Amino acid sequence: MAERLTRKQMADKYPNQWLGIRNIVYNGREIETAEVIYTQRTASELGLLSLKGEDVQPLFTTPDMVFQLGAAGGMNHGTEV
């Protein structure tokens, strides 16, 4: 069963890991809530599920709201996007 969480709740509950999410609700450009349907999967596994037609979006979580590889997410760090 899917669990609907906020972006912060996802990062707090599943820190530093890839999640498979769906039914995403956005607050402007940011994820407000989403259903978590997969945990403990790699980005490749989630990508393959998506390519096979499953409704899943890969998301990497970090407690400080910064995505893997240093791309800023969820916070404005003084730069215009």
N, C-alpha and C. Protein backbone atom coordinates (compact mmCIF):
# COMPACT_ATOMS: atom_id res chain seq x y z
N MET A 1 0.84 -1.18 0.00
CA MET A 1 0.00 0.00 0.00
C MET A 1 0.89 1.25 0.00
N ALA A 2 0.54 2.21 -0.83
CA ALA A 2 1.31 3.44 -0.95
C ALA A 2 1.10 4.32 0.29
N GLU A 3 2.15 5.05 0.62
CA GLU A 3 2.11 5.95 1.78
C GLU A 3 2.32 7.38 1.27
N ARG A 4 1.34 8.28 1.50
CA ARG A 4 1.47 9.67 1.06
C ARG A 4 2.26 10.45 2.11
N LEU A 5 3.36 11.07 1.65
CA LEU A 5 4.24 11.84 2.53
C LEU A 5 4.59 13.17 1.88
N THR A 6 4.97 14.13 2.71
CA THR A 6 5.53 15.38 2.20
C THR A 6 6.97 15.12 1.80
N ARG A 7 7.55 16.06 1.07
CA ARG A 7 8.96 15.93 0.65
C ARG A 7 9.87 15.81 1.88
N LYS A 8 9.60 16.61 2.90
CA LYS A 8 10.40 16.57 4.13
C LYS A 8 10.24 15.23 4.84
N GLN A 9 9.01 14.74 4.92
CA GLN A 9 8.78 13.44 5.56
C GLN A 9 9.51 12.32 4.84
N MET A 10 9.53 12.39 3.49
CA MET A 10 10.27 11.38 2.72
C MET A 10 11.75 11.42 3.07
N ALA A 11 12.32 12.62 3.13
CA ALA A 11 13.75 12.77 3.44
C ALA A 11 14.06 12.32 4.86
N ASP A 12 13.16 12.62 5.79
CA ASP A 12 13.38 12.23 7.19
C ASP A 12 13.24 10.71 7.39
N LYS A 13 12.23 10.13 6.76
CA LYS A 13 11.96 8.70 6.96
C LYS A 13 12.89 7.80 6.14
N TYR A 14 13.26 8.27 4.93
CA TYR A 14 14.10 7.49 4.03
C TYR A 14 15.30 8.32 3.58
N PRO A 15 16.21 8.67 4.50
CA PRO A 15 17.32 9.56 4.13
C PRO A 15 18.32 8.90 3.17
N ASN A 16 18.81 9.72 2.25
CA ASN A 16 19.89 9.31 1.34
C ASN A 16 19.62 8.01 0.59
N GLN A 17 18.42 7.91 0.03
CA GLN A 17 18.11 6.74 -0.78
C GLN A 17 17.14 7.09 -1.90
N TRP A 18 17.09 6.23 -2.88
CA TRP A 18 16.17 6.39 -3.99
C TRP A 18 14.80 5.86 -3.59
N LEU A 19 13.77 6.63 -3.94
CA LEU A 19 12.38 6.22 -3.73
C LEU A 19 11.67 6.19 -5.07
N GLY A 20 10.67 5.35 -5.17
CA GLY A 20 9.77 5.38 -6.31
C GLY A 20 8.48 6.04 -5.85
N ILE A 21 8.13 7.16 -6.48
CA ILE A 21 6.94 7.90 -6.06
C ILE A 21 5.96 8.03 -7.23
N ARG A 22 4.71 8.32 -6.90
CA ARG A 22 3.68 8.56 -7.92
C ARG A 22 2.61 9.48 -7.33
N ASN A 23 1.66 9.87 -8.17
CA ASN A 23 0.58 10.78 -7.76
C ASN A 23 1.14 11.99 -7.02
N ILE A 24 2.04 12.67 -7.69
CA ILE A 24 2.76 13.80 -7.10
C ILE A 24 1.88 15.04 -7.12
N VAL A 25 1.86 15.75 -5.99
CA VAL A 25 1.19 17.05 -5.88
C VAL A 25 2.28 18.09 -5.72
N TYR A 26 2.28 19.07 -6.63
CA TYR A 26 3.31 20.11 -6.61
C TYR A 26 2.79 21.38 -5.95
N ASN A 27 3.70 22.09 -5.30
CA ASN A 27 3.44 23.41 -4.73
C ASN A 27 4.35 24.35 -5.52
N GLY A 28 3.87 24.81 -6.66
CA GLY A 28 4.73 25.57 -7.55
C GLY A 28 5.69 24.62 -8.24
N ARG A 29 7.00 24.81 -8.03
CA ARG A 29 8.02 23.95 -8.64
C ARG A 29 8.42 22.79 -7.76
N GLU A 30 8.01 22.78 -6.52
CA GLU A 30 8.47 21.79 -5.56
C GLU A 30 7.42 20.72 -5.29
N ILE A 31 7.89 19.55 -4.90
CA ILE A 31 6.98 18.48 -4.51
C ILE A 31 6.39 18.82 -3.15
N GLU A 32 5.06 18.85 -3.08
CA GLU A 32 4.39 19.05 -1.80
C GLU A 32 4.17 17.69 -1.13
N THR A 33 3.52 16.77 -1.84
CA THR A 33 3.32 15.40 -1.35
C THR A 33 3.39 14.43 -2.53
N ALA A 34 3.60 13.17 -2.20
CA ALA A 34 3.57 12.10 -3.20
C ALA A 34 3.37 10.78 -2.47
N GLU A 35 2.90 9.80 -3.22
CA GLU A 35 2.77 8.45 -2.68
C GLU A 35 4.10 7.71 -2.88
N VAL A 36 4.64 7.18 -1.80
CA VAL A 36 5.87 6.39 -1.87
C VAL A 36 5.45 4.94 -2.13
N ILE A 37 5.89 4.40 -3.28
CA ILE A 37 5.52 3.03 -3.61
C ILE A 37 6.71 2.07 -3.61
N TYR A 38 7.93 2.61 -3.71
CA TYR A 38 9.14 1.77 -3.66
C TYR A 38 10.19 2.43 -2.78
N THR A 39 10.86 1.61 -1.98
CA THR A 39 12.02 2.05 -1.20
C THR A 39 13.13 1.03 -1.45
N GLN A 40 14.34 1.38 -1.09
CA GLN A 40 15.50 0.48 -1.19
C GLN A 40 15.67 -0.08 -2.60
N ARG A 41 15.50 0.79 -3.59
CA ARG A 41 15.75 0.44 -5.00
C ARG A 41 16.82 1.36 -5.54
N THR A 42 17.49 0.94 -6.58
CA THR A 42 18.48 1.80 -7.23
C THR A 42 17.77 2.68 -8.25
N ALA A 43 18.47 3.72 -8.68
CA ALA A 43 17.93 4.59 -9.72
C ALA A 43 17.68 3.78 -11.00
N SER A 44 18.57 2.86 -11.30
CA SER A 44 18.41 2.02 -12.50
C SER A 44 17.17 1.15 -12.42
N GLU A 45 16.94 0.55 -11.27
CA GLU A 45 15.75 -0.29 -11.10
C GLU A 45 14.48 0.52 -11.28
N LEU A 46 14.44 1.71 -10.68
CA LEU A 46 13.26 2.56 -10.80
C LEU A 46 13.07 3.05 -12.23
N GLY A 47 14.17 3.37 -12.89
CA GLY A 47 14.10 3.80 -14.28
C GLY A 47 13.56 2.70 -15.19
N LEU A 48 14.00 1.47 -14.96
CA LEU A 48 13.51 0.34 -15.75
C LEU A 48 12.02 0.10 -15.53
N LEU A 49 11.56 0.24 -14.29
CA LEU A 49 10.13 0.10 -14.01
C LEU A 49 9.34 1.14 -14.79
N SER A 50 9.85 2.36 -14.82
CA SER A 50 9.19 3.44 -15.55
C SER A 50 9.17 3.14 -17.05
N LEU A 51 10.29 2.67 -17.59
CA LEU A 51 10.37 2.33 -19.01
C LEU A 51 9.43 1.19 -19.39
N LYS A 52 9.15 0.32 -18.45
CA LYS A 52 8.23 -0.80 -18.70
C LYS A 52 6.77 -0.39 -18.55
N GLY A 53 6.53 0.90 -18.30
CA GLY A 53 5.16 1.40 -18.26
C GLY A 53 4.56 1.59 -16.87
N GLU A 54 5.33 1.32 -15.83
CA GLU A 54 4.80 1.51 -14.48
C GLU A 54 4.80 2.99 -14.14
N ASP A 55 3.76 3.43 -13.46
CA ASP A 55 3.63 4.83 -13.04
C ASP A 55 4.51 5.06 -11.81
N VAL A 56 5.79 5.37 -12.06
CA VAL A 56 6.74 5.59 -10.97
C VAL A 56 7.74 6.66 -11.38
N GLN A 57 8.04 7.55 -10.45
CA GLN A 57 9.03 8.61 -10.67
C GLN A 57 10.16 8.42 -9.66
N PRO A 58 11.40 8.27 -10.10
CA PRO A 58 12.51 8.15 -9.16
C PRO A 58 12.78 9.47 -8.44
N LEU A 59 13.08 9.40 -7.16
CA LEU A 59 13.43 10.58 -6.36
C LEU A 59 14.51 10.20 -5.37
N PHE A 60 15.60 10.97 -5.33
CA PHE A 60 16.65 10.75 -4.34
C PHE A 60 16.42 11.70 -3.18
N THR A 61 16.48 11.18 -1.95
CA THR A 61 16.20 11.99 -0.77
C THR A 61 17.47 12.29 0.00
N THR A 62 17.52 13.48 0.56
CA THR A 62 18.56 13.86 1.52
C THR A 62 17.90 14.73 2.57
N PRO A 63 18.31 14.62 3.81
CA PRO A 63 17.70 15.42 4.86
C PRO A 63 17.85 16.93 4.65
N ASP A 64 18.91 17.37 3.97
CA ASP A 64 19.12 18.80 3.79
C ASP A 64 18.49 19.33 2.51
N MET A 65 17.65 18.53 1.86
CA MET A 65 16.91 18.93 0.66
C MET A 65 17.81 19.20 -0.54
N VAL A 66 18.98 18.59 -0.61
CA VAL A 66 19.87 18.73 -1.76
C VAL A 66 19.92 17.38 -2.46
N PHE A 67 19.72 17.37 -3.76
CA PHE A 67 19.69 16.13 -4.51
C PHE A 67 21.09 15.60 -4.74
N GLN A 68 21.16 14.32 -5.07
CA GLN A 68 22.43 13.67 -5.37
C GLN A 68 23.13 14.41 -6.50
N LEU A 69 24.43 14.44 -6.47
CA LEU A 69 25.30 15.11 -7.43
C LEU A 69 25.30 16.62 -7.26
N GLY A 70 24.73 17.13 -6.17
CA GLY A 70 24.85 18.54 -5.84
C GLY A 70 23.83 19.47 -6.46
N ALA A 71 22.86 18.98 -7.18
CA ALA A 71 21.84 19.87 -7.75
C ALA A 71 20.92 20.34 -6.64
N ALA A 72 20.70 21.64 -6.55
CA ALA A 72 19.87 22.20 -5.48
C ALA A 72 18.41 21.85 -5.72
N GLY A 73 17.71 21.57 -4.65
CA GLY A 73 16.28 21.28 -4.76
C GLY A 73 15.58 21.66 -3.47
N GLY A 74 14.43 22.28 -3.60
CA GLY A 74 13.63 22.59 -2.43
C GLY A 74 14.02 23.86 -1.70
N MET A 75 15.16 24.43 -2.02
CA MET A 75 15.60 25.64 -1.32
C MET A 75 16.26 26.57 -2.32
N ASN A 76 16.08 27.86 -2.14
CA ASN A 76 16.75 28.85 -2.98
C ASN A 76 18.05 29.23 -2.28
N HIS A 77 19.16 28.94 -2.91
CA HIS A 77 20.47 29.21 -2.32
C HIS A 77 21.08 30.48 -2.89
N GLY A 78 20.22 31.47 -3.19
CA GLY A 78 20.72 32.74 -3.67
C GLY A 78 20.96 32.81 -5.16
N THR A 79 20.53 31.80 -5.89
CA THR A 79 20.69 31.82 -7.35
C THR A 79 19.33 31.79 -8.01
N GLU A 80 19.22 32.46 -9.12
CA GLU A 80 17.98 32.45 -9.87
C GLU A 80 17.95 31.23 -10.78
N VAL A 81 16.80 30.65 -10.90
CA VAL A 81 16.63 29.48 -11.76
C VAL A 81 15.81 29.88 -12.96
